[in-house]
Structures are given as C-alpha cells and as structure tokens.
Amino acid sequence: MLTLRRAPSLGAQAPILDDAQAAAVAHRAAAHHAVSHHAAGSRADATQGHDAGVLRVLGAPGTGKTSTAVEIVVDRVASRSALVLFETNRYSVPPGYAGQRLVLHARVGEPHLRIVTAQGIKVATHRRAPAGAEQTVRTSEHATQLERAVLDAFTTQTACRRKSNRPPGDGALAELAKLHGQSTALAPVVSLSDYAALAEVAC
C-alpha cells in the first residue's frame, strides 16, 4: 500500500496540483513501484518488510510548471551487518547505524537511493541496483569500517574454555566392538607376576 503525500518542505513555491493531476502522478508512480516489486519476486527480508511506504509528490519550486517528480519513502531497520533492504537489494550504511531505524528515499526514474536518519541526517547515498537483482551494494569505506568494528569486538580478556580429555568408557568400547563385528567380552587382565615368570623362563 502506497500513500500519496505532498512534500511539506516545498511550501507555497510548489505548483498546486488538482485532484486529477495528483491522481495521475500517483497512478504512474504506483505502476512503476508495482513493476519493480513484481520483478523483485516479493521476497523482501522478513525482518525488513516489503517495499511499501509513502509516495511524495515533489514539485518544481519557482518554475510555475506543473512538472512533478515522485519519491518513494520507506522505513528500514539496519541489520547487524549494517545493511538495509530495498527492492530485494541490500545497501550498506556505516556500522554505527546497525539496529537503527533509517529512512530510504528513491525518486521514481532516478538512479540513486538516499538513506537518512529519522531526523533527516544524511547517512549514505548509493546508485540503485536493478530491482530483484538481490545484490549487495557496499562501499569500500563502509566495508573497512565494518571490518574494523568486527575486529575491535574480539577480546583476549577471557580464555577459551578447554575441552576435557575423557577416554572412552566400557560401554563406548563395547559399542565400538559391535560396529567392527568383534567380541564384546572384556580382554583378560594379565598381572605383572605373569610377565616376571615369562622373563625368568626366557633367561
């Protein structure tokens, strides 16, 4: 479900759209979004949600023209690996934003995806991959930051728990003998005195 909304930041300079014009803009944008969503196979990540959101009508301030652009706005929560999902593609953000809710802006017909915080602070800008391509778009800067964050999380303060060395018991040895088709009877115990007697005979 996409909702049509006029961008509040344009103010009085934005051209006024009547109901028919607004409906036409919404129809074109919804059709574009539906095609992209169908190409994506509707397989959005369960933790990210589907690519539904708000359609914002952006006018051309000061031109007096009725030309408009349409922007798709969706909310996403960055994953632990500092990625956000849009049209089945994943785009990187700095690792410090992992787990935070971010806002994605994509103008219909334009090649870029803008990612900002809920307060409008710019986080990242990416060139959009084709819808449904299931690509991961990560900048080299974000990759370096993520690698550094992962390495910094390692610690040597606590030693690893050692695994105790326990020899197999009688039950385990008996089962092993069954697997090899051997007798499960216990081997006779030879005392040291028997070895001493054998040694005397040999001398």
Protein backbone atom coordinates (compact mmCIF):
# COMPACT_ATOMS: atom_id res chain seq x y z
CA MET A 1 0.00 0.00 0.00
CA LEU A 2 1.46 3.34 -1.10
CA THR A 3 0.19 6.66 0.21
CA LEU A 4 0.36 9.88 -1.80
CA ARG A 5 1.72 12.81 0.15
CA ARG A 6 2.89 16.27 -0.89
CA ALA A 7 6.41 17.10 0.24
CA PRO A 8 5.96 19.59 3.10
CA SER A 9 9.34 21.26 2.53
CA LEU A 10 8.28 22.80 -0.80
CA GLY A 11 5.87 25.21 0.83
CA ALA A 12 4.00 27.81 -1.21
CA GLN A 13 6.52 27.75 -4.05
CA ALA A 14 5.47 24.30 -5.14
CA PRO A 15 2.99 24.16 -8.04
CA ILE A 16 -0.53 23.34 -6.98
CA LEU A 17 -1.83 20.04 -8.27
CA ASP A 18 -5.54 19.50 -8.59
CA ASP A 19 -7.11 16.15 -7.75
CA ALA A 20 -6.83 14.86 -11.31
CA GLN A 21 -3.15 15.72 -11.59
CA ALA A 22 -2.35 14.21 -8.20
CA ALA A 23 -4.24 11.05 -9.12
CA ALA A 24 -2.30 10.77 -12.40
CA VAL A 25 1.03 11.17 -10.63
CA ALA A 26 0.06 8.59 -8.03
CA HIS A 27 -1.06 6.17 -10.73
CA ARG A 28 2.24 6.45 -12.65
CA ALA A 29 4.32 6.03 -9.51
CA ALA A 30 2.26 3.12 -8.20
CA ALA A 31 2.57 1.38 -11.58
CA HIS A 32 6.34 1.82 -11.54
CA HIS A 33 6.53 0.57 -7.98
CA ALA A 34 4.34 -2.43 -8.75
CA VAL A 35 6.56 -3.45 -11.67
CA SER A 36 9.70 -3.14 -9.53
CA HIS A 37 8.08 -5.06 -6.69
CA HIS A 38 6.93 -7.84 -9.05
CA ALA A 39 10.43 -8.10 -10.53
CA ALA A 40 11.78 -8.46 -7.04
CA GLY A 41 9.62 -11.55 -6.62
CA SER A 42 8.03 -10.15 -3.47
CA ARG A 43 10.76 -11.83 -1.44
CA ALA A 44 11.62 -8.99 0.90
CA ASP A 45 13.51 -9.96 4.04
CA ALA A 46 11.14 -10.85 6.89
CA THR A 47 12.91 -8.51 9.29
CA GLN A 48 12.91 -5.63 6.80
CA GLY A 49 9.36 -5.80 5.49
CA HIS A 50 8.08 -5.18 1.98
CA ASP A 51 8.89 -2.13 -0.13
CA ALA A 52 5.72 -0.31 0.83
CA GLY A 53 5.79 3.23 2.03
CA VAL A 54 4.86 6.77 1.09
CA LEU A 55 4.77 8.37 -2.34
CA ARG A 56 5.75 12.03 -2.06
CA VAL A 57 4.86 14.46 -4.85
CA LEU A 58 7.78 16.82 -5.42
CA GLY A 59 7.04 19.97 -7.42
CA ALA A 60 9.41 22.26 -9.26
CA PRO A 61 9.58 25.30 -6.98
CA GLY A 62 9.68 28.70 -8.64
CA THR A 63 9.21 27.41 -12.19
CA GLY A 64 5.46 27.82 -12.39
CA LYS A 65 5.29 24.49 -14.20
CA THR A 66 3.20 21.53 -13.27
CA SER A 67 6.06 19.04 -13.80
CA THR A 68 6.49 16.81 -10.77
CA ALA A 69 8.75 14.09 -9.50
CA VAL A 70 7.60 11.25 -7.30
CA GLU A 71 9.66 9.89 -4.42
CA ILE A 72 9.23 6.53 -2.71
CA VAL A 73 9.92 6.75 1.03
CA VAL A 74 10.30 3.59 3.14
CA ASP A 75 11.48 2.87 6.67
CA ARG A 76 14.07 0.19 7.30
CA VAL A 77 15.97 -1.18 10.30
CA ALA A 78 19.66 -1.70 9.51
CA SER A 79 20.78 -5.29 10.00
CA ARG A 80 23.65 -6.41 12.24
CA SER A 81 25.88 -6.39 9.17
CA ALA A 82 24.94 -2.72 8.54
CA LEU A 83 22.71 -3.31 5.51
CA VAL A 84 19.23 -2.06 4.59
CA LEU A 85 16.89 -3.76 2.13
CA PHE A 86 15.24 -2.07 -0.86
CA GLU A 87 13.67 -3.96 -3.79
CA THR A 88 15.50 -7.15 -2.62
CA ASN A 89 18.88 -5.41 -2.90
CA ARG A 90 20.91 -4.60 0.21
CA TYR A 91 22.71 -1.30 0.65
CA SER A 92 25.40 -0.54 3.20
CA VAL A 93 25.42 2.05 5.95
CA PRO A 94 28.16 2.82 8.50
CA PRO A 95 28.29 0.04 11.15
CA GLY A 96 27.34 2.51 13.87
CA TYR A 97 23.79 2.55 12.44
CA ALA A 98 23.28 -1.22 12.80
CA GLY A 99 19.96 -1.89 14.52
CA GLN A 100 18.71 1.66 14.00
CA ARG A 101 15.63 2.68 12.02
CA LEU A 102 16.51 4.60 8.86
CA VAL A 103 14.51 6.24 6.07
CA LEU A 104 15.16 5.42 2.41
CA HIS A 105 14.31 7.89 -0.37
CA ALA A 106 14.18 6.84 -4.02
CA ARG A 107 12.83 9.14 -6.71
CA VAL A 108 10.99 7.34 -9.48
CA GLY A 109 13.11 7.33 -12.63
CA GLU A 110 16.31 8.45 -10.88
CA PRO A 111 19.25 6.09 -10.28
CA HIS A 112 20.16 6.93 -6.69
CA LEU A 113 18.98 5.82 -3.26
CA ARG A 114 19.35 8.22 -0.35
CA ILE A 115 19.47 6.92 3.22
CA VAL A 116 18.87 9.30 6.12
CA THR A 117 18.05 9.08 9.81
CA ALA A 118 14.58 9.72 11.18
CA GLN A 119 15.79 13.29 11.86
CA GLY A 120 16.84 13.73 8.24
CA ILE A 121 20.62 13.43 8.78
CA LYS A 122 22.32 12.01 5.69
CA VAL A 123 23.73 8.52 6.21
CA ALA A 124 24.61 7.24 2.73
CA THR A 125 23.85 7.54 -0.98
CA HIS A 126 24.05 4.60 -3.37
CA ARG A 127 23.46 4.00 -7.03
CA ARG A 128 20.45 1.73 -7.19
CA ALA A 129 20.85 -1.84 -8.41
CA PRO A 130 18.12 -3.32 -10.67
CA ALA A 131 15.01 -4.30 -8.74
CA GLY A 132 15.02 -8.01 -7.94
CA ALA A 133 18.75 -8.46 -8.57
CA GLU A 134 19.39 -9.43 -4.93
CA GLN A 135 22.72 -7.63 -5.00
CA THR A 136 24.67 -6.30 -2.01
CA VAL A 137 25.92 -2.78 -2.63
CA ARG A 138 28.60 -1.87 -0.09
CA THR A 139 31.09 0.97 -0.42
CA SER A 140 34.76 0.33 0.30
CA GLU A 141 34.58 2.84 3.15
CA HIS A 142 31.68 1.01 4.80
CA ALA A 143 33.44 -2.35 4.28
CA THR A 144 36.57 -1.05 6.01
CA GLN A 145 34.55 0.39 8.89
CA LEU A 146 32.64 -2.88 9.34
CA GLU A 147 35.85 -4.93 9.31
CA ARG A 148 37.37 -2.64 11.93
CA ALA A 149 34.24 -2.87 14.10
CA VAL A 150 34.28 -6.69 13.92
CA LEU A 151 37.98 -6.89 14.81
CA ASP A 152 37.54 -4.43 17.68
CA ALA A 153 34.80 -6.67 19.10
CA PHE A 154 37.26 -9.53 19.60
CA THR A 155 38.80 -9.81 23.06
CA THR A 156 41.54 -11.87 24.72
CA GLN A 157 40.50 -11.00 28.27
CA THR A 158 38.63 -14.27 28.78
CA ALA A 159 40.37 -17.52 27.87
CA CYS A 160 38.52 -20.06 25.80
CA ARG A 161 37.05 -22.95 27.78
CA ARG A 162 39.23 -26.02 27.37
CA LYS A 163 37.60 -29.27 26.39
CA SER A 164 38.29 -32.01 28.88
CA ASN A 165 40.03 -35.14 27.59
CA ARG A 166 37.82 -38.05 28.61
CA PRO A 167 38.83 -41.57 27.48
CA PRO A 168 36.03 -43.81 26.22
CA GLY A 169 34.28 -45.89 28.87
CA ASP A 170 33.49 -49.61 28.81
CA GLY A 171 30.10 -49.00 27.25
CA ALA A 172 31.58 -46.98 24.41
CA LEU A 173 34.26 -49.59 23.77
CA ALA A 174 31.64 -52.34 23.70
CA GLU A 175 29.58 -50.43 21.10
CA LEU A 176 32.70 -49.86 19.01
CA ALA A 177 33.42 -53.60 19.11
CA LYS A 178 29.89 -54.31 17.87
CA LEU A 179 30.36 -51.94 14.94
CA HIS A 180 33.54 -53.75 13.93
CA GLY A 181 31.98 -57.20 14.44
CA GLN A 182 34.27 -58.03 17.33
CA SER A 183 33.50 -59.81 20.56
CA THR A 184 32.25 -57.61 23.33
CA ALA A 185 33.89 -59.77 26.01
CA LEU A 186 36.47 -57.93 28.06
CA ALA A 187 40.09 -58.86 27.40
CA PRO A 188 41.73 -60.94 30.15
CA VAL A 189 43.80 -58.99 32.64
CA VAL A 190 47.48 -60.10 32.76
CA SER A 191 49.22 -59.43 36.04
CA LEU A 192 52.82 -58.25 36.36
CA SER A 193 53.78 -61.54 38.05
CA ASP A 194 52.92 -63.40 34.83
CA TYR A 195 55.28 -61.12 32.92
CA ALA A 196 58.02 -61.76 35.51
CA ALA A 197 57.60 -65.54 35.15
CA LEU A 198 57.89 -65.28 31.38
CA ALA A 199 61.03 -63.20 31.77
CA GLU A 200 62.67 -65.81 34.01
CA VAL A 201 61.96 -68.58 31.52
CA ALA A 202 63.42 -66.51 28.73
CA CYS A 203 66.63 -66.02 30.67
